[in-house]
Amino acid sequence: MKEEKTVLKKHKVTTLTVFFMIFCMVCAGSYGIEDMIPSAGPGLTVVLLIFLPFFWSIPQGLVAAELGSAIPTEGGYYKWIQRALGEFWGFQACWWRTISIYVDSTLYVILAVGYVNSVFPLTGWQSFALKAFFIIAFSVINVRGLRDVGRIASYFSVIVIGSFIALIFVGFSHAQFNPLLPFVPEGQTVAESVGLGIAICMWMYAGYESMSTMAGELENPMVIPKATILSVPAIMLLYILSTIACLAAVGQWQNWGVEDGISFGSIGDMLGFHWLSLIFVVTAVIANLSMYNTYLASGSRGFFSLADDHLAPDFLQKLHGKYGTPHTAIIAMAVINLLLCQIGFDTLVVIDVFLLMFAYILIYVAAIVLRVKEPELERPFKIPLGTKGVALLCTCPIILCVVALFTNGLSYFIGGCIGIISGPAVYVICKKKYGGVDGQKELTARDKKLTIAIISVMLIAVASALLIFFK
């Protein structure tokens, strides 16, 4: 059994820089809200943007701040769950969330190139070359360390925030429609509208825990909880104000949409501000690259942390000789991103929400369990609630996670169940090959039961869904 842990190089990173990194991972602009508006209705969209954070992103931010301050180590949420629930569940959360990030980060590169293509049409090989360039460039930045990642995130965030502030001012100065009418689309109930809009809204407000995976590389990891608390209201304001301003300016709520519809990028052109539309094409490219930059940092640390616990191949924990970063994990993620860019991976996308929601459920459960198991654990930032209060705070987002699992259609449900099964299946392989934290290559009776239980439940869920669908 190996006791040594890989020692990462520490970086001095300010609270403001971490704030911008979290902004990139959670938000990077209001892109994506466009699809909520015709599905849920303009009024309900605004209401969801205002009130959902109190049941979703605020608990998420508070839990991430408390656990991040109590356990400020590399791996972040993986280590929180491992400490609270054991190695098996820690692995599941890390595997599910990391695979989710691998898929997400690839999409950001594709979207960035897509925006470039909308202005400068690219051939197939030119598109491939630009994707490869972006992936290689940000891999180099990531290998150099979090200070460089943070600097790029800061520069990009200032551009994105500045562009949206300009759009907000232009929108409100040209207001002529009631942004709350109609509340929901005609012929659609409020319940139906909530079901169509809530998954997107949850997605828009997700990611506050992602910065935690890099805590072991900061000289002062306490900047993460501070930045997390600051980022929650800032992102809420950007979403809410930009949506209200643009709806008030152009209306046409039923014609909004990311693809071939009214979007934040086209508002300036519709109002006669052609320069603003051009700025937003550039902003859209920057926003997607900013997300790729920061998620490459966060996602690569997932498998690095598993390798450091002997639950993944050892080469993933190797550090760069000069920069002290997990360069092999970064390069491995970049290679997979490049491969996914070239193939149809719609099937992978459908598992994304499922993996994310299950990982979040484990984070909230871990917060409750640690309050019970380790009430004396030092928590520099502590949610100002007792154990019962924290349990209640975490119950709301857990319920929302469960609801989200059933609101994306049959293909998402089946793909998600298959994605969940991959967690225990890979754990069995890695545990037997690498030994895990305790160095024991044999599964415990508890781990065997959990593996069988998860796989069985997911298979039964898939069979039931198919029976209901084809009945």
Protein backbone atom coordinates (compact mmCIF):
# COMPACT_ATOMS: atom_id res chain seq x y z
CA MET A 1 0.00 0.00 0.00
CA LYS A 2 1.31 3.36 -1.10
CA GLU A 3 1.00 6.19 1.34
CA GLU A 4 2.68 8.94 -0.70
CA LYS A 5 0.56 11.57 -2.36
CA THR A 6 1.59 13.59 -5.36
CA VAL A 7 2.59 17.09 -4.31
CA LEU A 8 1.35 19.75 -6.71
CA LYS A 9 2.92 23.15 -7.27
CA LYS A 10 1.12 25.92 -5.38
CA HIS A 11 0.02 29.12 -7.06
CA LYS A 12 -0.87 32.48 -5.59
CA VAL A 13 -4.32 33.20 -7.04
CA THR A 14 -6.57 36.02 -5.86
CA THR A 15 -10.25 35.86 -4.92
CA LEU A 16 -11.10 37.96 -7.98
CA THR A 17 -9.29 35.56 -10.32
CA VAL A 18 -11.12 32.58 -8.80
CA PHE A 19 -14.38 34.52 -9.12
CA PHE A 20 -13.74 34.88 -12.86
CA MET A 21 -12.86 31.17 -13.16
CA ILE A 22 -16.11 30.19 -11.45
CA PHE A 23 -17.96 32.68 -13.67
CA CYS A 24 -16.53 30.90 -16.74
CA MET A 25 -17.49 27.43 -15.49
CA VAL A 26 -21.03 28.33 -14.41
CA CYS A 27 -22.03 31.12 -16.76
CA ALA A 28 -19.75 32.75 -19.36
CA GLY A 29 -22.73 34.78 -20.50
CA SER A 30 -26.46 34.13 -20.82
CA TYR A 31 -26.17 31.84 -23.83
CA GLY A 32 -28.63 28.95 -23.57
CA ILE A 33 -31.49 30.82 -21.93
CA GLU A 34 -32.86 31.49 -25.44
CA ASP A 35 -34.26 27.94 -25.62
CA MET A 36 -36.14 28.34 -22.33
CA ILE A 37 -38.22 31.28 -23.52
CA PRO A 38 -40.45 29.61 -26.19
CA SER A 39 -40.62 26.35 -24.22
CA ALA A 40 -41.56 27.71 -20.79
CA GLY A 41 -42.89 31.13 -21.78
CA PRO A 42 -41.23 34.52 -21.17
CA GLY A 43 -42.91 35.20 -17.83
CA LEU A 44 -42.13 31.81 -16.35
CA THR A 45 -38.57 31.95 -17.72
CA VAL A 46 -37.93 35.16 -15.79
CA VAL A 47 -39.59 33.74 -12.66
CA LEU A 48 -37.44 30.58 -12.86
CA LEU A 49 -34.28 32.67 -13.29
CA ILE A 50 -35.20 34.71 -10.20
CA PHE A 51 -36.49 32.03 -7.83
CA LEU A 52 -34.82 28.74 -8.83
CA PRO A 53 -31.40 29.87 -7.47
CA PHE A 54 -32.87 29.97 -3.95
CA PHE A 55 -33.58 26.22 -4.23
CA TRP A 56 -30.69 25.25 -6.51
CA SER A 57 -27.64 27.48 -7.00
CA ILE A 58 -27.63 29.18 -3.59
CA PRO A 59 -27.66 25.82 -1.74
CA GLN A 60 -25.08 24.61 -4.25
CA GLY A 61 -22.85 27.62 -3.60
CA LEU A 62 -23.24 27.39 0.18
CA VAL A 63 -22.48 23.67 0.29
CA ALA A 64 -19.47 24.11 -2.01
CA ALA A 65 -18.21 26.96 0.19
CA GLU A 66 -18.62 25.02 3.46
CA LEU A 67 -17.12 21.74 2.27
CA GLY A 68 -14.43 23.53 0.27
CA SER A 69 -13.32 25.43 3.37
CA ALA A 70 -13.43 22.31 5.56
CA ILE A 71 -11.65 19.99 3.10
CA PRO A 72 -9.53 22.27 0.86
CA THR A 73 -7.72 19.51 -1.02
CA GLU A 74 -7.11 18.58 -4.65
CA GLY A 75 -10.06 16.63 -5.97
CA GLY A 76 -12.60 18.85 -4.23
CA TYR A 77 -16.07 17.34 -4.28
CA TYR A 78 -14.57 13.86 -4.87
CA LYS A 79 -12.72 14.11 -1.55
CA TRP A 80 -15.80 15.49 0.24
CA ILE A 81 -17.89 12.51 -0.84
CA GLN A 82 -15.10 10.01 -0.22
CA ARG A 83 -14.72 11.28 3.34
CA ALA A 84 -18.45 11.22 4.02
CA LEU A 85 -19.58 8.11 2.15
CA GLY A 86 -16.47 6.08 1.43
CA GLU A 87 -14.31 5.17 -1.52
CA PHE A 88 -17.05 3.57 -3.63
CA TRP A 89 -19.35 6.60 -3.69
CA GLY A 90 -16.44 9.01 -4.03
CA PHE A 91 -15.34 7.16 -7.16
CA GLN A 92 -18.88 7.21 -8.59
CA ALA A 93 -19.24 10.97 -8.16
CA CYS A 94 -15.80 11.68 -9.61
CA TRP A 95 -16.33 9.35 -12.56
CA TRP A 96 -19.81 10.64 -13.40
CA ARG A 97 -18.92 14.31 -13.09
CA THR A 98 -15.60 13.99 -14.94
CA ILE A 99 -17.15 12.14 -17.88
CA SER A 100 -19.83 14.84 -17.96
CA ILE A 101 -17.10 17.51 -18.16
CA TYR A 102 -15.29 15.62 -20.94
CA VAL A 103 -18.46 15.77 -23.07
CA ASP A 104 -19.29 19.36 -22.13
CA SER A 105 -15.84 20.72 -22.81
CA THR A 106 -15.84 19.17 -26.27
CA LEU A 107 -19.12 20.89 -27.08
CA TYR A 108 -17.62 24.27 -26.18
CA VAL A 109 -14.85 23.84 -28.75
CA ILE A 110 -17.38 22.83 -31.41
CA LEU A 111 -19.60 25.82 -30.59
CA ALA A 112 -16.66 28.24 -30.69
CA VAL A 113 -15.65 27.01 -34.15
CA GLY A 114 -19.31 27.13 -35.20
CA TYR A 115 -19.50 30.84 -34.33
CA VAL A 116 -16.30 31.49 -36.29
CA ASN A 117 -17.80 29.58 -39.22
CA SER A 118 -20.90 31.81 -39.14
CA VAL A 119 -18.71 34.80 -40.05
CA PHE A 120 -15.84 33.15 -41.95
CA PRO A 121 -17.11 29.97 -43.68
CA LEU A 122 -14.68 27.11 -43.10
CA THR A 123 -14.01 23.94 -45.06
CA GLY A 124 -13.94 20.60 -43.28
CA TRP A 125 -10.19 20.52 -42.82
CA GLN A 126 -10.10 24.17 -41.77
CA SER A 127 -12.72 23.47 -39.10
CA PHE A 128 -10.69 20.50 -37.84
CA ALA A 129 -7.49 22.56 -37.82
CA LEU A 130 -9.14 25.36 -35.81
CA LYS A 131 -10.56 22.90 -33.27
CA ALA A 132 -7.14 21.31 -32.91
CA PHE A 133 -5.52 24.74 -32.55
CA PHE A 134 -7.91 25.77 -29.76
CA ILE A 135 -7.47 22.47 -27.90
CA ILE A 136 -3.66 22.56 -28.18
CA ALA A 137 -3.45 26.25 -27.23
CA PHE A 138 -5.52 25.87 -24.07
CA SER A 139 -3.75 22.63 -23.18
CA VAL A 140 -0.46 24.56 -23.20
CA ILE A 141 -2.01 27.26 -21.00
CA ASN A 142 -3.30 24.61 -18.59
CA VAL A 143 0.05 22.82 -18.43
CA ARG A 144 1.66 26.11 -17.40
CA GLY A 145 -0.55 26.20 -14.31
CA LEU A 146 -3.60 27.74 -12.66
CA ARG A 147 -2.12 31.23 -12.63
CA ASP A 148 -2.14 31.32 -16.43
CA VAL A 149 -5.54 29.62 -16.58
CA GLY A 150 -6.87 32.25 -14.18
CA ARG A 151 -5.40 35.14 -16.15
CA ILE A 152 -7.03 34.00 -19.39
CA ALA A 153 -10.32 33.39 -17.55
CA SER A 154 -10.13 36.92 -16.12
CA TYR A 155 -9.48 38.59 -19.48
CA PHE A 156 -12.24 36.60 -21.18
CA SER A 157 -14.72 37.22 -18.35
CA VAL A 158 -14.20 41.00 -18.51
CA ILE A 159 -14.99 40.93 -22.24
CA VAL A 160 -18.08 38.74 -21.78
CA ILE A 161 -19.44 40.72 -18.83
CA GLY A 162 -18.75 44.03 -20.58
CA SER A 163 -20.57 42.90 -23.72
CA PHE A 164 -23.63 41.80 -21.77
CA ILE A 165 -23.69 45.02 -19.76
CA ALA A 166 -23.74 46.93 -23.07
CA LEU A 167 -26.57 44.70 -24.30
CA ILE A 168 -28.53 45.26 -21.10
CA PHE A 169 -28.29 49.04 -21.46
CA VAL A 170 -29.29 48.90 -25.13
CA GLY A 171 -32.18 46.56 -24.34
CA PHE A 172 -33.66 48.67 -21.55
CA SER A 173 -33.22 51.88 -23.56
CA HIS A 174 -35.35 50.34 -26.35
CA ALA A 175 -37.95 48.66 -24.13
CA GLN A 176 -41.40 48.45 -25.75
CA PHE A 177 -42.80 45.04 -24.73
CA ASN A 178 -43.86 43.51 -21.43
CA PRO A 179 -41.13 40.89 -20.83
CA LEU A 180 -43.43 38.83 -18.59
CA LEU A 181 -46.27 38.28 -21.08
CA PRO A 182 -47.45 35.73 -21.79
CA PHE A 183 -46.54 33.97 -18.58
CA VAL A 184 -46.70 30.54 -20.27
CA PRO A 185 -47.41 29.59 -23.92
CA GLU A 186 -51.07 29.41 -24.88
CA GLY A 187 -52.57 25.96 -24.37
CA GLN A 188 -49.80 24.93 -21.97
CA THR A 189 -50.24 24.59 -18.21
CA VAL A 190 -47.81 26.05 -15.70
CA ALA A 191 -46.80 22.52 -14.65
CA GLU A 192 -46.01 21.55 -18.25
CA SER A 193 -44.07 24.77 -18.78
CA VAL A 194 -42.02 24.26 -15.61
CA GLY A 195 -41.14 20.76 -16.77
CA LEU A 196 -39.89 22.10 -20.11
CA GLY A 197 -37.86 24.95 -18.63
CA ILE A 198 -36.48 23.68 -15.34
CA ALA A 199 -33.78 21.39 -16.78
CA ILE A 200 -32.28 24.21 -18.84
CA CYS A 201 -32.44 26.59 -15.89
CA MET A 202 -30.73 24.08 -13.61
CA TRP A 203 -28.06 23.62 -16.25
CA MET A 204 -27.51 27.38 -16.46
CA TYR A 205 -26.98 27.58 -12.70
CA ALA A 206 -24.76 24.48 -12.34
CA GLY A 207 -20.99 24.22 -11.83
CA TYR A 208 -20.18 26.01 -8.56
CA GLU A 209 -18.38 22.94 -7.25
CA SER A 210 -16.04 22.63 -10.25
CA MET A 211 -13.38 24.99 -8.90
CA SER A 212 -12.98 22.79 -5.82
CA THR A 213 -11.03 20.14 -7.77
CA MET A 214 -8.06 22.54 -7.96
CA ALA A 215 -7.92 23.52 -4.27
CA GLY A 216 -4.65 21.65 -3.73
CA GLU A 217 -2.86 23.96 -6.18
CA LEU A 218 -3.71 27.22 -4.43
CA GLU A 219 -1.50 28.80 -1.77
CA ASN A 220 -4.68 29.95 -0.06
CA PRO A 221 -7.56 27.60 -0.94
CA MET A 222 -9.91 29.74 1.18
CA VAL A 223 -10.25 32.08 -1.80
CA ILE A 224 -12.52 29.45 -3.41
CA PRO A 225 -15.40 29.66 -0.88
CA LYS A 226 -15.10 33.46 -0.86
CA ALA A 227 -15.30 33.66 -4.65
CA THR A 228 -18.13 31.12 -4.74
CA ILE A 229 -20.31 33.23 -2.44
CA LEU A 230 -19.63 36.34 -4.56
CA SER A 231 -20.32 34.57 -7.85
CA VAL A 232 -23.84 33.35 -7.02
CA PRO A 233 -25.60 36.77 -6.93
CA ALA A 234 -23.44 38.15 -9.77
CA ILE A 235 -24.46 35.35 -12.14
CA MET A 236 -28.11 35.68 -11.10
CA LEU A 237 -28.07 39.41 -11.95
CA LEU A 238 -26.47 38.85 -15.36
CA TYR A 239 -29.01 36.19 -16.33
CA ILE A 240 -32.06 38.06 -15.06
CA LEU A 241 -31.21 41.54 -16.34
CA SER A 242 -30.07 40.42 -19.80
CA THR A 243 -33.19 38.29 -20.31
CA ILE A 244 -35.64 40.98 -19.16
CA ALA A 245 -33.86 43.73 -21.14
CA CYS A 246 -33.80 41.80 -24.41
CA LEU A 247 -37.36 40.51 -24.13
CA ALA A 248 -38.52 44.07 -23.42
CA ALA A 249 -36.65 45.36 -26.46
CA VAL A 250 -37.61 42.86 -29.19
CA GLY A 251 -40.44 40.69 -27.84
CA GLN A 252 -41.21 37.83 -30.28
CA TRP A 253 -40.79 35.33 -27.45
CA GLN A 254 -42.00 32.41 -29.57
CA ASN A 255 -39.16 32.93 -32.08
CA TRP A 256 -36.27 32.74 -29.60
CA GLY A 257 -33.78 29.89 -29.83
CA VAL A 258 -30.07 29.14 -29.90
CA GLU A 259 -30.28 27.64 -33.39
CA ASP A 260 -31.99 29.65 -36.15
CA GLY A 261 -33.86 31.87 -33.74
CA ILE A 262 -33.57 35.15 -31.87
CA SER A 263 -30.55 34.99 -29.59
CA PHE A 264 -28.53 37.38 -27.47
CA GLY A 265 -26.10 37.58 -30.36
CA SER A 266 -28.74 38.84 -32.81
CA ILE A 267 -30.47 41.42 -30.58
CA GLY A 268 -28.05 44.22 -31.47
CA ASP A 269 -28.63 43.71 -35.19
CA MET A 270 -32.42 43.70 -34.71
CA LEU A 271 -32.20 47.04 -32.91
CA GLY A 272 -29.93 48.59 -35.53
CA PHE A 273 -26.70 48.27 -33.55
CA HIS A 274 -24.73 46.19 -36.08
CA TRP A 275 -21.49 46.78 -34.21
CA LEU A 276 -23.01 45.10 -31.16
CA SER A 277 -23.90 42.01 -33.18
CA LEU A 278 -20.33 41.74 -34.43
CA ILE A 279 -19.05 42.15 -30.88
CA PHE A 280 -21.37 39.35 -29.76
CA VAL A 281 -20.06 36.94 -32.37
CA VAL A 282 -16.58 37.53 -30.93
CA THR A 283 -18.01 37.35 -27.39
CA ALA A 284 -19.70 34.03 -28.16
CA VAL A 285 -16.39 32.55 -29.35
CA ILE A 286 -14.60 33.91 -26.27
CA ALA A 287 -17.33 32.68 -23.92
CA ASN A 288 -17.12 29.11 -25.21
CA LEU A 289 -13.32 29.13 -25.16
CA SER A 290 -13.37 30.50 -21.60
CA MET A 291 -15.51 27.54 -20.55
CA TYR A 292 -13.19 25.12 -22.32
CA ASN A 293 -10.15 26.68 -20.67
CA THR A 294 -11.51 26.37 -17.13
CA TYR A 295 -13.23 23.00 -17.58
CA LEU A 296 -10.02 21.54 -18.99
CA ALA A 297 -8.45 22.54 -15.67
CA SER A 298 -11.29 21.15 -13.58
CA GLY A 299 -11.96 17.97 -15.55
CA SER A 300 -8.33 16.90 -15.78
CA ARG A 301 -8.03 17.04 -11.99
CA GLY A 302 -10.78 14.45 -11.63
CA PHE A 303 -8.82 11.56 -13.09
CA PHE A 304 -5.60 12.94 -11.59
CA SER A 305 -7.18 12.62 -8.12
CA LEU A 306 -8.43 9.11 -8.86
CA ALA A 307 -4.96 8.09 -10.05
CA ASP A 308 -3.44 9.60 -6.90
CA ASP A 309 -5.75 7.30 -4.90
CA HIS A 310 -4.77 4.30 -7.06
CA LEU A 311 -8.15 4.14 -8.77
CA ALA A 312 -6.95 5.08 -12.27
CA PRO A 313 -3.80 4.51 -14.37
CA ASP A 314 -0.68 5.84 -12.62
CA PHE A 315 0.45 7.93 -15.61
CA LEU A 316 -2.47 10.32 -14.99
CA GLN A 317 -0.86 11.56 -11.77
CA LYS A 318 2.50 12.46 -13.29
CA LEU A 319 3.55 16.09 -12.88
CA HIS A 320 5.34 18.39 -15.30
CA GLY A 321 8.97 18.84 -14.30
CA LYS A 322 8.92 22.62 -14.61
CA TYR A 323 5.34 23.69 -13.92
CA GLY A 324 4.31 21.04 -11.39
CA THR A 325 0.95 20.48 -13.08
CA PRO A 326 -0.73 17.13 -13.86
CA HIS A 327 0.22 17.47 -17.52
CA THR A 328 -0.51 13.88 -18.54
CA ALA A 329 -4.09 14.17 -17.23
CA ILE A 330 -4.47 17.47 -19.10
CA ILE A 331 -3.08 16.02 -22.32
CA ALA A 332 -5.24 12.89 -21.97
CA MET A 333 -8.37 15.02 -21.68
CA ALA A 334 -7.30 17.18 -24.64
CA VAL A 335 -6.76 14.10 -26.83
CA ILE A 336 -10.21 12.76 -25.97
CA ASN A 337 -11.71 16.21 -26.67
CA LEU A 338 -10.07 16.20 -30.10
CA LEU A 339 -11.39 12.71 -30.86
CA LEU A 340 -14.92 13.57 -29.74
CA CYS A 341 -14.85 16.69 -31.95
CA GLN A 342 -14.55 14.48 -35.03
CA ILE A 343 -17.29 11.93 -34.40
CA GLY A 344 -21.01 12.02 -33.88
CA PHE A 345 -21.48 11.91 -30.14
CA ASP A 346 -25.17 12.73 -29.70
CA THR A 347 -25.45 9.52 -27.68
CA LEU A 348 -22.84 10.83 -25.25
CA VAL A 349 -24.65 14.13 -24.86
CA VAL A 350 -27.86 12.45 -23.67
CA ILE A 351 -26.11 10.94 -20.64
CA ASP A 352 -24.76 14.30 -19.56
CA VAL A 353 -27.64 15.61 -17.44
CA PHE A 354 -28.06 12.25 -15.73
CA LEU A 355 -24.41 12.02 -14.71
CA LEU A 356 -24.42 15.60 -13.46
CA MET A 357 -27.58 15.19 -11.38
CA PHE A 358 -26.44 11.96 -9.70
CA ALA A 359 -23.09 13.55 -8.82
CA TYR A 360 -24.89 16.55 -7.29
CA ILE A 361 -27.14 14.30 -5.21
CA LEU A 362 -24.03 12.71 -3.69
CA ILE A 363 -22.51 16.14 -2.94
CA TYR A 364 -25.63 17.22 -1.01
CA VAL A 365 -25.83 13.88 0.83
CA ALA A 366 -22.15 14.25 1.77
CA ALA A 367 -22.80 17.71 3.24
CA ILE A 368 -25.54 16.29 5.48
CA VAL A 369 -23.54 13.20 6.47
CA LEU A 370 -20.45 15.22 7.42
CA ARG A 371 -22.54 17.48 9.63
CA VAL A 372 -23.72 14.34 11.48
CA LYS A 373 -20.48 12.31 11.45
CA GLU A 374 -18.02 15.15 12.02
CA PRO A 375 -19.80 18.02 13.79
CA GLU A 376 -16.46 19.22 15.20
CA LEU A 377 -14.76 19.37 11.78
CA GLU A 378 -13.25 22.83 11.37
CA ARG A 379 -15.29 24.76 8.83
CA PRO A 380 -13.80 28.25 8.24
CA PHE A 381 -16.97 29.00 6.30
CA LYS A 382 -20.00 27.37 7.85
CA ILE A 383 -23.55 27.58 6.57
CA PRO A 384 -25.36 29.48 9.37
CA LEU A 385 -27.77 26.61 9.98
CA GLY A 386 -27.84 23.62 12.28
CA THR A 387 -27.68 20.05 11.00
CA LYS A 388 -31.45 19.90 10.45
CA GLY A 389 -31.32 23.21 8.64
CA VAL A 390 -28.54 21.99 6.33
CA ALA A 391 -30.53 18.81 5.68
CA LEU A 392 -33.55 20.91 4.70
CA LEU A 393 -31.37 23.19 2.57
CA CYS A 394 -29.99 20.18 0.68
CA THR A 395 -33.35 18.45 0.29
CA CYS A 396 -34.64 21.06 -2.18
CA PRO A 397 -31.85 20.62 -4.76
CA ILE A 398 -31.96 16.83 -4.32
CA ILE A 399 -35.67 16.90 -5.23
CA LEU A 400 -34.88 19.12 -8.23
CA CYS A 401 -32.18 16.67 -9.34
CA VAL A 402 -34.71 13.82 -9.26
CA VAL A 403 -37.26 15.90 -11.19
CA ALA A 404 -34.64 16.76 -13.84
CA LEU A 405 -33.98 13.05 -14.43
CA PHE A 406 -37.51 12.62 -15.81
CA THR A 407 -37.93 15.81 -17.85
CA ASN A 408 -35.61 15.24 -20.82
CA GLY A 409 -37.35 12.47 -22.74
CA LEU A 410 -36.83 8.75 -23.27
CA SER A 411 -33.46 8.91 -25.03
CA TYR A 412 -31.98 11.02 -22.22
CA PHE A 413 -33.37 8.67 -19.59
CA ILE A 414 -32.06 5.49 -21.23
CA GLY A 415 -28.71 7.04 -22.15
CA GLY A 416 -28.39 8.40 -18.62
CA CYS A 417 -29.08 5.03 -17.02
CA ILE A 418 -26.40 3.44 -19.19
CA GLY A 419 -24.01 6.21 -18.21
CA ILE A 420 -24.69 5.59 -14.53
CA ILE A 421 -23.98 1.87 -14.95
CA SER A 422 -20.51 2.74 -16.25
CA GLY A 423 -19.55 4.07 -12.80
CA PRO A 424 -19.74 0.85 -10.75
CA ALA A 425 -18.52 -1.21 -13.73
CA VAL A 426 -15.34 0.87 -14.08
CA TYR A 427 -14.86 0.95 -10.30
CA VAL A 428 -14.74 -2.86 -10.18
CA ILE A 429 -12.07 -2.89 -12.91
CA CYS A 430 -9.96 -0.11 -11.35
CA LYS A 431 -10.21 -1.46 -7.82
CA LYS A 432 -9.04 -4.91 -8.87
CA LYS A 433 -6.23 -3.54 -11.02
CA TYR A 434 -4.88 -0.65 -8.90
CA GLY A 435 -6.00 -1.42 -5.34
CA GLY A 436 -7.60 1.87 -4.31
CA VAL A 437 -6.86 3.93 -1.21
CA ASP A 438 -6.41 0.90 1.04
CA GLY A 439 -4.32 -1.06 -1.48
CA GLN A 440 -6.74 -3.99 -1.32
CA LYS A 441 -7.60 -5.30 -4.78
CA GLU A 442 -10.58 -7.29 -3.58
CA LEU A 443 -14.02 -5.69 -3.41
CA THR A 444 -15.66 -5.54 -0.01
CA ALA A 445 -19.02 -7.22 0.46
CA ARG A 446 -20.59 -3.73 0.68
CA ASP A 447 -19.06 -2.64 -2.62
CA LYS A 448 -20.27 -5.80 -4.35
CA LYS A 449 -23.81 -5.24 -3.09
CA LEU A 450 -23.77 -1.58 -4.15
CA THR A 451 -22.46 -2.47 -7.61
CA ILE A 452 -25.14 -5.10 -8.14
CA ALA A 453 -27.83 -2.81 -6.74
CA ILE A 454 -26.98 0.17 -8.99
CA ILE A 455 -26.70 -1.91 -12.15
CA SER A 456 -29.93 -3.77 -11.36
CA VAL A 457 -31.91 -0.61 -10.61
CA MET A 458 -30.71 1.11 -13.79
CA LEU A 459 -31.51 -1.92 -15.96
CA ILE A 460 -34.97 -2.21 -14.42
CA ALA A 461 -35.51 1.52 -14.99
CA VAL A 462 -34.54 1.18 -18.67
CA ALA A 463 -36.80 -1.86 -19.16
CA SER A 464 -39.72 -0.08 -17.44
CA ALA A 465 -39.26 3.06 -19.55
CA LEU A 466 -39.24 1.04 -22.74
CA LEU A 467 -42.35 -0.91 -21.72
CA ILE A 468 -44.23 2.30 -20.91
CA PHE A 469 -43.11 3.97 -24.14
CA PHE A 470 -44.04 1.07 -26.46
CA LYS A 471 -47.18 0.05 -24.60
